[in-house]
């Protein structure tokens, strides 16, 4: 019985000591140390911008339903992967306010980045629509 107790105590002590080693082993050569890299986010769109886009997209496609929700969230994810939020935000402002009449509208029509960002947004939205919205099959043409 004392041998069992001594064996059990030795086993418990060895497990306890093994668990006390909290220092990870360090490589002897500093060149072998892996460098930490900070992962860049795939996009930087805040939630509010995403929700605003999805709600507008759903309205443009016939209203709020799960089908539109799925396709519009896919579209905003696609756009977020292709444009920075800053560019997207500016492109939307240039697009929405492009037709403002008079001198006030010139701020949105005349800057060189206005055309560039509006066309980038248009192109990216078209690509998102291709990727995320199903195309309706063309009606089969029947011969008389």
C-alpha atoms as a PDB file:
ATOM      1  CA  UNK A   1       0.000   0.000   0.000  1.00  0.00           C
ATOM      2  CA  UNK A   2       2.814   2.413   0.797  1.00  0.00           C
ATOM      3  CA  UNK A   3       4.410   1.684  -2.581  1.00  0.00           C
ATOM      4  CA  UNK A   4       1.159   2.556  -4.326  1.00  0.00           C
ATOM      5  CA  UNK A   5       0.837   5.732  -2.295  1.00  0.00           C
ATOM      6  CA  UNK A   6       4.450   6.702  -3.024  1.00  0.00           C
ATOM      7  CA  UNK A   7       3.995   5.982  -6.748  1.00  0.00           C
ATOM      8  CA  UNK A   8       0.773   7.957  -6.850  1.00  0.00           C
ATOM      9  CA  UNK A   9       2.392  10.892  -5.019  1.00  0.00           C
ATOM     10  CA  UNK A  10       5.385  10.823  -7.354  1.00  0.00           C
ATOM     11  CA  UNK A  11       3.097  10.758 -10.382  1.00  0.00           C
ATOM     12  CA  UNK A  12       1.028  13.695  -9.110  1.00  0.00           C
ATOM     13  CA  UNK A  13       4.175  15.660  -8.271  1.00  0.00           C
ATOM     14  CA  UNK A  14       5.625  15.081 -11.758  1.00  0.00           C
ATOM     15  CA  UNK A  15       2.387  16.295 -13.389  1.00  0.00           C
ATOM     16  CA  UNK A  16       2.336  19.337 -11.135  1.00  0.00           C
ATOM     17  CA  UNK A  17       5.926  20.226 -11.918  1.00  0.00           C
ATOM     18  CA  UNK A  18       5.376  19.737 -15.655  1.00  0.00           C
ATOM     19  CA  UNK A  19       2.473  22.171 -15.486  1.00  0.00           C
ATOM     20  CA  UNK A  20       4.591  24.821 -13.745  1.00  0.00           C
ATOM     21  CA  UNK A  21       6.772  25.427 -16.757  1.00  0.00           C
ATOM     22  CA  UNK A  22       5.131  28.506 -18.262  1.00  0.00           C
ATOM     23  CA  UNK A  23       8.142  29.794 -20.179  1.00  0.00           C
ATOM     24  CA  UNK A  24       8.060  28.778 -23.844  1.00  0.00           C
ATOM     25  CA  UNK A  25      11.327  27.602 -25.274  1.00  0.00           C
ATOM     26  CA  UNK A  26      13.151  30.370 -27.100  1.00  0.00           C
ATOM     27  CA  UNK A  27      15.225  29.718 -30.195  1.00  0.00           C
ATOM     28  CA  UNK A  28      18.891  30.388 -29.630  1.00  0.00           C
ATOM     29  CA  UNK A  29      19.226  32.289 -32.910  1.00  0.00           C
ATOM     30  CA  UNK A  30      17.172  35.530 -33.075  1.00  0.00           C
ATOM     31  CA  UNK A  31      16.910  35.149 -36.859  1.00  0.00           C
ATOM     32  CA  UNK A  32      14.790  32.042 -36.269  1.00  0.00           C
ATOM     33  CA  UNK A  33      12.249  34.016 -34.281  1.00  0.00           C
ATOM     34  CA  UNK A  34       9.054  34.398 -36.343  1.00  0.00           C
ATOM     35  CA  UNK A  35       8.101  37.998 -36.965  1.00  0.00           C
ATOM     36  CA  UNK A  36       4.652  39.029 -35.901  1.00  0.00           C
ATOM     37  CA  UNK A  37       2.518  40.392 -38.689  1.00  0.00           C
ATOM     38  CA  UNK A  38      -0.579  42.408 -38.176  1.00  0.00           C
ATOM     39  CA  UNK A  39      -3.410  41.161 -40.333  1.00  0.00           C
ATOM     40  CA  UNK A  40      -5.025  43.866 -42.415  1.00  0.00           C
ATOM     41  CA  UNK A  41      -8.793  43.827 -42.339  1.00  0.00           C
ATOM     42  CA  UNK A  42     -10.305  42.749 -45.620  1.00  0.00           C
ATOM     43  CA  UNK A  43     -12.322  45.930 -45.607  1.00  0.00           C
ATOM     44  CA  UNK A  44     -12.965  48.862 -43.365  1.00  0.00           C
ATOM     45  CA  UNK A  45     -16.679  49.499 -43.824  1.00  0.00           C
ATOM     46  CA  UNK A  46     -18.445  50.432 -40.599  1.00  0.00           C
ATOM     47  CA  UNK A  47     -21.701  48.703 -39.779  1.00  0.00           C
ATOM     48  CA  UNK A  48     -23.769  51.857 -40.317  1.00  0.00           C
ATOM     49  CA  UNK A  49     -22.528  52.228 -43.899  1.00  0.00           C
ATOM     50  CA  UNK A  50     -23.265  48.587 -44.596  1.00  0.00           C
ATOM     51  CA  UNK A  51     -26.781  48.823 -43.182  1.00  0.00           C
ATOM     52  CA  UNK A  52     -27.535  52.030 -45.097  1.00  0.00           C
ATOM     53  CA  UNK A  53     -26.331  50.451 -48.336  1.00  0.00           C
ATOM     54  CA  UNK A  54     -28.313  47.243 -47.766  1.00  0.00           C
ATOM     55  CA  UNK A  55     -31.525  49.113 -46.940  1.00  0.00           C
ATOM     56  CA  UNK A  56     -31.200  51.302 -50.049  1.00  0.00           C
ATOM     57  CA  UNK A  57     -30.348  48.274 -52.176  1.00  0.00           C
ATOM     58  CA  UNK A  58     -33.371  46.373 -50.870  1.00  0.00           C
ATOM     59  CA  UNK A  59     -35.614  49.336 -51.623  1.00  0.00           C
ATOM     60  CA  UNK A  60     -34.195  49.514 -55.166  1.00  0.00           C
ATOM     61  CA  UNK A  61     -34.897  45.811 -55.687  1.00  0.00           C
ATOM     62  CA  UNK A  62     -38.504  45.687 -54.583  1.00  0.00           C
ATOM     63  CA  UNK A  63     -38.573  45.933 -50.817  1.00  0.00           C
ATOM     64  CA  UNK A  64     -37.485  44.229 -47.665  1.00  0.00           C
ATOM     65  CA  UNK A  65     -37.490  40.454 -47.890  1.00  0.00           C
ATOM     66  CA  UNK A  66     -34.963  37.744 -47.145  1.00  0.00           C
ATOM     67  CA  UNK A  67     -34.098  37.226 -50.790  1.00  0.00           C
ATOM     68  CA  UNK A  68     -33.157  40.895 -51.246  1.00  0.00           C
ATOM     69  CA  UNK A  69     -31.397  40.929 -47.881  1.00  0.00           C
ATOM     70  CA  UNK A  70     -29.159  38.044 -48.937  1.00  0.00           C
ATOM     71  CA  UNK A  71     -28.287  39.538 -52.327  1.00  0.00           C
ATOM     72  CA  UNK A  72     -27.759  43.075 -51.021  1.00  0.00           C
ATOM     73  CA  UNK A  73     -25.479  41.964 -48.177  1.00  0.00           C
ATOM     74  CA  UNK A  74     -23.495  39.983 -50.730  1.00  0.00           C
ATOM     75  CA  UNK A  75     -23.229  43.135 -52.860  1.00  0.00           C
ATOM     76  CA  UNK A  76     -22.021  45.349 -50.018  1.00  0.00           C
ATOM     77  CA  UNK A  77     -19.445  42.724 -49.034  1.00  0.00           C
ATOM     78  CA  UNK A  78     -18.214  42.613 -52.626  1.00  0.00           C
ATOM     79  CA  UNK A  79     -17.991  46.407 -52.812  1.00  0.00           C
ATOM     80  CA  UNK A  80     -16.220  46.547 -49.446  1.00  0.00           C
ATOM     81  CA  UNK A  81     -13.643  44.118 -50.767  1.00  0.00           C
ATOM     82  CA  UNK A  82     -12.951  46.275 -53.820  1.00  0.00           C
ATOM     83  CA  UNK A  83     -13.044  49.829 -52.415  1.00  0.00           C
ATOM     84  CA  UNK A  84     -11.918  51.520 -49.247  1.00  0.00           C
ATOM     85  CA  UNK A  85     -14.661  53.011 -47.138  1.00  0.00           C
ATOM     86  CA  UNK A  86     -13.304  56.502 -47.697  1.00  0.00           C
ATOM     87  CA  UNK A  87     -13.473  56.097 -51.483  1.00  0.00           C
ATOM     88  CA  UNK A  88     -16.934  54.524 -51.259  1.00  0.00           C
ATOM     89  CA  UNK A  89     -18.218  57.332 -49.050  1.00  0.00           C
ATOM     90  CA  UNK A  90     -16.856  60.032 -51.352  1.00  0.00           C
ATOM     91  CA  UNK A  91     -18.119  58.245 -54.457  1.00  0.00           C
ATOM     92  CA  UNK A  92     -21.617  58.029 -53.003  1.00  0.00           C
ATOM     93  CA  UNK A  93     -21.580  61.724 -52.098  1.00  0.00           C
ATOM     94  CA  UNK A  94     -20.407  62.653 -55.607  1.00  0.00           C
ATOM     95  CA  UNK A  95     -23.052  60.384 -57.132  1.00  0.00           C
ATOM     96  CA  UNK A  96     -25.999  61.510 -55.002  1.00  0.00           C
ATOM     97  CA  UNK A  97     -25.189  65.208 -55.227  1.00  0.00           C
ATOM     98  CA  UNK A  98     -23.961  65.293 -58.833  1.00  0.00           C
ATOM     99  CA  UNK A  99     -27.213  66.824 -60.129  1.00  0.00           C
ATOM    100  CA  UNK A 100     -27.328  69.621 -57.564  1.00  0.00           C
ATOM    101  CA  UNK A 101     -27.951  72.755 -59.633  1.00  0.00           C
ATOM    102  CA  UNK A 102     -25.805  75.880 -59.668  1.00  0.00           C
ATOM    103  CA  UNK A 103     -22.566  76.667 -57.962  1.00  0.00           C
ATOM    104  CA  UNK A 104     -23.328  74.400 -55.039  1.00  0.00           C
ATOM    105  CA  UNK A 105     -23.412  71.406 -57.348  1.00  0.00           C
ATOM    106  CA  UNK A 106     -20.040  72.342 -58.834  1.00  0.00           C
ATOM    107  CA  UNK A 107     -18.363  71.025 -55.684  1.00  0.00           C
ATOM    108  CA  UNK A 108     -19.613  67.558 -56.611  1.00  0.00           C
ATOM    109  CA  UNK A 109     -19.277  67.749 -60.409  1.00  0.00           C
ATOM    110  CA  UNK A 110     -15.982  69.558 -60.982  1.00  0.00           C
ATOM    111  CA  UNK A 111     -13.283  67.915 -58.822  1.00  0.00           C
ATOM    112  CA  UNK A 112     -11.094  65.493 -60.801  1.00  0.00           C
ATOM    113  CA  UNK A 113     -11.719  62.692 -58.321  1.00  0.00           C
ATOM    114  CA  UNK A 114     -15.484  63.033 -58.852  1.00  0.00           C
ATOM    115  CA  UNK A 115     -15.479  61.323 -62.258  1.00  0.00           C
ATOM    116  CA  UNK A 116     -12.911  58.774 -61.162  1.00  0.00           C
ATOM    117  CA  UNK A 117     -14.751  57.756 -57.988  1.00  0.00           C
ATOM    118  CA  UNK A 118     -18.219  57.792 -59.563  1.00  0.00           C
ATOM    119  CA  UNK A 119     -17.069  55.518 -62.396  1.00  0.00           C
ATOM    120  CA  UNK A 120     -15.264  53.229 -59.936  1.00  0.00           C
ATOM    121  CA  UNK A 121     -18.423  52.935 -57.844  1.00  0.00           C
ATOM    122  CA  UNK A 122     -20.551  52.295 -60.930  1.00  0.00           C
ATOM    123  CA  UNK A 123     -18.157  49.605 -62.169  1.00  0.00           C
ATOM    124  CA  UNK A 124     -17.919  47.970 -58.743  1.00  0.00           C
ATOM    125  CA  UNK A 125     -21.707  47.979 -58.291  1.00  0.00           C
ATOM    126  CA  UNK A 126     -22.101  46.356 -61.711  1.00  0.00           C
ATOM    127  CA  UNK A 127     -19.573  43.660 -60.772  1.00  0.00           C
ATOM    128  CA  UNK A 128     -21.369  43.135 -57.444  1.00  0.00           C
ATOM    129  CA  UNK A 129     -24.685  42.765 -59.248  1.00  0.00           C
ATOM    130  CA  UNK A 130     -23.121  40.167 -61.548  1.00  0.00           C
ATOM    131  CA  UNK A 131     -21.713  38.245 -58.598  1.00  0.00           C
ATOM    132  CA  UNK A 132     -24.594  38.503 -56.159  1.00  0.00           C
ATOM    133  CA  UNK A 133     -27.872  38.829 -58.022  1.00  0.00           C
ATOM    134  CA  UNK A 134     -29.079  35.845 -59.994  1.00  0.00           C
ATOM    135  CA  UNK A 135     -29.793  36.422 -63.642  1.00  0.00           C
ATOM    136  CA  UNK A 136     -33.192  35.468 -64.870  1.00  0.00           C
ATOM    137  CA  UNK A 137     -33.117  32.904 -67.624  1.00  0.00           C
ATOM    138  CA  UNK A 138     -34.197  34.236 -70.983  1.00  0.00           C
ATOM    139  CA  UNK A 139     -37.517  32.911 -72.188  1.00  0.00           C
ATOM    140  CA  UNK A 140     -37.036  30.036 -74.528  1.00  0.00           C
ATOM    141  CA  UNK A 141     -37.863  31.056 -78.026  1.00  0.00           C
ATOM    142  CA  UNK A 142     -40.199  28.615 -79.658  1.00  0.00           C
ATOM    143  CA  UNK A 143     -40.638  28.216 -83.367  1.00  0.00           C
ATOM    144  CA  UNK A 144     -44.205  28.438 -84.676  1.00  0.00           C
END
